[in-house]
Amino acid sequence: MLLNDAALFQNTPNPFGRQYHHPIFPAGKFTKAHIVFHDKSGKLLKQISVSGVGNGTVKMDAGALSSGSYSYSLVVDGETVSTRQLVIAK
């Protein structure tokens, strides 16, 4: 797989309250892809599996997360493709 072809776009809306969407583009053949969420200290909070190739969207319910800033990354076959920031405002 060419990791340069995979992409993770900014979540919308940002900031958001409870639910938001992550536009993604996993490209080529891959064995395993997922989005991981970390707090500011780097602690892993959540992992969502990604399936399929091409344009897609992952939806997440952030009800269990506190207001604040977080990072999320697209990881394909063990390699981080892209990392973005999100803000939760409740």
C-alpha atoms as a PDB file:
ATOM      1  CA  MET A   1       0.000   0.000   0.000  1.00  0.00           C
ATOM      2  CA  LEU A   2       1.149   3.521  -0.659  1.00  0.00           C
ATOM      3  CA  LEU A   3       0.681   5.407   2.588  1.00  0.00           C
ATOM      4  CA  ASN A   4       0.993   8.682   0.684  1.00  0.00           C
ATOM      5  CA  ASP A   5      -2.375   7.886  -0.910  1.00  0.00           C
ATOM      6  CA  ALA A   6      -4.184   7.411   2.420  1.00  0.00           C
ATOM      7  CA  ALA A   7      -5.607  10.478   4.154  1.00  0.00           C
ATOM      8  CA  LEU A   8      -7.330  11.573   7.340  1.00  0.00           C
ATOM      9  CA  PHE A   9      -9.211  14.855   7.129  1.00  0.00           C
ATOM     10  CA  GLN A  10     -10.277  17.277   9.845  1.00  0.00           C
ATOM     11  CA  ASN A  11     -13.338  16.211  11.816  1.00  0.00           C
ATOM     12  CA  THR A  12     -16.538  18.214  11.374  1.00  0.00           C
ATOM     13  CA  PRO A  13     -17.793  20.094  13.203  1.00  0.00           C
ATOM     14  CA  ASN A  14     -14.775  21.222  15.242  1.00  0.00           C
ATOM     15  CA  PRO A  15     -15.318  22.090  18.056  1.00  0.00           C
ATOM     16  CA  PHE A  16     -18.267  19.790  18.584  1.00  0.00           C
ATOM     17  CA  GLY A  17     -20.564  18.641  21.344  1.00  0.00           C
ATOM     18  CA  ARG A  18     -21.448  14.956  21.257  1.00  0.00           C
ATOM     19  CA  GLN A  19     -21.210  13.461  17.755  1.00  0.00           C
ATOM     20  CA  TYR A  20     -18.847  14.206  14.922  1.00  0.00           C
ATOM     21  CA  HIS A  21     -17.525  12.715  11.696  1.00  0.00           C
ATOM     22  CA  HIS A  22     -14.009  11.909  10.500  1.00  0.00           C
ATOM     23  CA  PRO A  23     -13.644  11.925   6.712  1.00  0.00           C
ATOM     24  CA  ILE A  24     -11.055   9.288   5.764  1.00  0.00           C
ATOM     25  CA  PHE A  25      -9.495   7.873   2.642  1.00  0.00           C
ATOM     26  CA  PRO A  26      -7.758   4.535   3.236  1.00  0.00           C
ATOM     27  CA  ALA A  27      -6.082   3.669  -0.063  1.00  0.00           C
ATOM     28  CA  GLY A  28      -4.728   0.534  -1.700  1.00  0.00           C
ATOM     29  CA  LYS A  29      -4.492  -2.867  -0.083  1.00  0.00           C
ATOM     30  CA  PHE A  30      -4.078  -2.967   3.659  1.00  0.00           C
ATOM     31  CA  THR A  31      -4.450  -5.586   6.337  1.00  0.00           C
ATOM     32  CA  LYS A  32      -5.577  -3.410   9.228  1.00  0.00           C
ATOM     33  CA  ALA A  33      -6.578   0.238   9.528  1.00  0.00           C
ATOM     34  CA  HIS A  34      -7.986   2.128  12.476  1.00  0.00           C
ATOM     35  CA  ILE A  35      -8.362   5.565  13.997  1.00  0.00           C
ATOM     36  CA  VAL A  36      -6.868   6.045  17.453  1.00  0.00           C
ATOM     37  CA  PHE A  37      -7.759   8.798  19.908  1.00  0.00           C
ATOM     38  CA  HIS A  38      -5.357  10.178  22.519  1.00  0.00           C
ATOM     39  CA  ASP A  39      -5.626  12.768  25.266  1.00  0.00           C
ATOM     40  CA  LYS A  40      -3.052  15.553  25.707  1.00  0.00           C
ATOM     41  CA  SER A  41      -0.778  13.281  27.765  1.00  0.00           C
ATOM     42  CA  GLY A  42      -0.715  10.675  24.964  1.00  0.00           C
ATOM     43  CA  LYS A  43      -2.968   8.154  26.720  1.00  0.00           C
ATOM     44  CA  LEU A  44      -4.897   5.965  24.265  1.00  0.00           C
ATOM     45  CA  LEU A  45      -8.622   6.576  24.806  1.00  0.00           C
ATOM     46  CA  LYS A  46     -10.332   4.779  21.949  1.00  0.00           C
ATOM     47  CA  GLN A  47      -9.659   2.837  18.770  1.00  0.00           C
ATOM     48  CA  ILE A  48     -12.109   2.473  15.868  1.00  0.00           C
ATOM     49  CA  SER A  49     -11.528  -0.063  13.081  1.00  0.00           C
ATOM     50  CA  VAL A  50     -11.722   1.172   9.495  1.00  0.00           C
ATOM     51  CA  SER A  51     -12.827  -1.079   6.664  1.00  0.00           C
ATOM     52  CA  GLY A  52     -13.090  -0.518   2.939  1.00  0.00           C
ATOM     53  CA  VAL A  53     -11.015   1.522   0.538  1.00  0.00           C
ATOM     54  CA  GLY A  54     -11.748   5.002  -0.792  1.00  0.00           C
ATOM     55  CA  ASN A  55     -13.711   7.917   0.601  1.00  0.00           C
ATOM     56  CA  GLY A  56     -15.455   7.120   3.839  1.00  0.00           C
ATOM     57  CA  THR A  57     -16.546   8.560   7.142  1.00  0.00           C
ATOM     58  CA  VAL A  58     -16.158   7.327  10.680  1.00  0.00           C
ATOM     59  CA  LYS A  59     -18.755   8.568  13.165  1.00  0.00           C
ATOM     60  CA  MET A  60     -17.992   8.817  16.858  1.00  0.00           C
ATOM     61  CA  ASP A  61     -20.049   9.509  19.946  1.00  0.00           C
ATOM     62  CA  ALA A  62     -17.916  11.516  22.363  1.00  0.00           C
ATOM     63  CA  GLY A  63     -20.364  11.313  25.266  1.00  0.00           C
ATOM     64  CA  ALA A  64     -17.764   9.722  27.552  1.00  0.00           C
ATOM     65  CA  LEU A  65     -15.058  12.317  26.827  1.00  0.00           C
ATOM     66  CA  SER A  66     -14.658  15.538  28.788  1.00  0.00           C
ATOM     67  CA  SER A  67     -14.463  18.983  27.214  1.00  0.00           C
ATOM     68  CA  GLY A  68     -10.952  19.647  25.945  1.00  0.00           C
ATOM     69  CA  SER A  69      -8.441  18.999  23.176  1.00  0.00           C
ATOM     70  CA  TYR A  70      -7.602  15.556  21.809  1.00  0.00           C
ATOM     71  CA  SER A  71      -5.643  14.097  18.914  1.00  0.00           C
ATOM     72  CA  TYR A  72      -6.712  11.382  16.499  1.00  0.00           C
ATOM     73  CA  SER A  73      -4.630   9.464  13.987  1.00  0.00           C
ATOM     74  CA  LEU A  74      -5.205   7.181  11.032  1.00  0.00           C
ATOM     75  CA  VAL A  75      -3.013   4.094  11.467  1.00  0.00           C
ATOM     76  CA  VAL A  76      -2.651   1.715   8.506  1.00  0.00           C
ATOM     77  CA  ASP A  77      -0.781  -1.557   8.916  1.00  0.00           C
ATOM     78  CA  GLY A  78       0.983  -0.206  11.994  1.00  0.00           C
ATOM     79  CA  GLU A  79       2.107   3.083  10.450  1.00  0.00           C
ATOM     80  CA  THR A  80       0.609   6.448  11.373  1.00  0.00           C
ATOM     81  CA  VAL A  81      -0.575   8.138   8.182  1.00  0.00           C
ATOM     82  CA  SER A  82      -1.885  11.391   9.598  1.00  0.00           C
ATOM     83  CA  THR A  83      -2.757  13.034  12.925  1.00  0.00           C
ATOM     84  CA  ARG A  84      -5.329  15.770  13.540  1.00  0.00           C
ATOM     85  CA  GLN A  85      -6.614  17.705  16.534  1.00  0.00           C
ATOM     86  CA  LEU A  86     -10.182  17.951  17.757  1.00  0.00           C
ATOM     87  CA  VAL A  87     -11.871  20.047  20.411  1.00  0.00           C
ATOM     88  CA  ILE A  88     -14.828  18.917  22.500  1.00  0.00           C
ATOM     89  CA  ALA A  89     -17.059  21.718  23.791  1.00  0.00           C
ATOM     90  CA  LYS A  90     -19.974  20.565  25.910  1.00  0.00           C
END
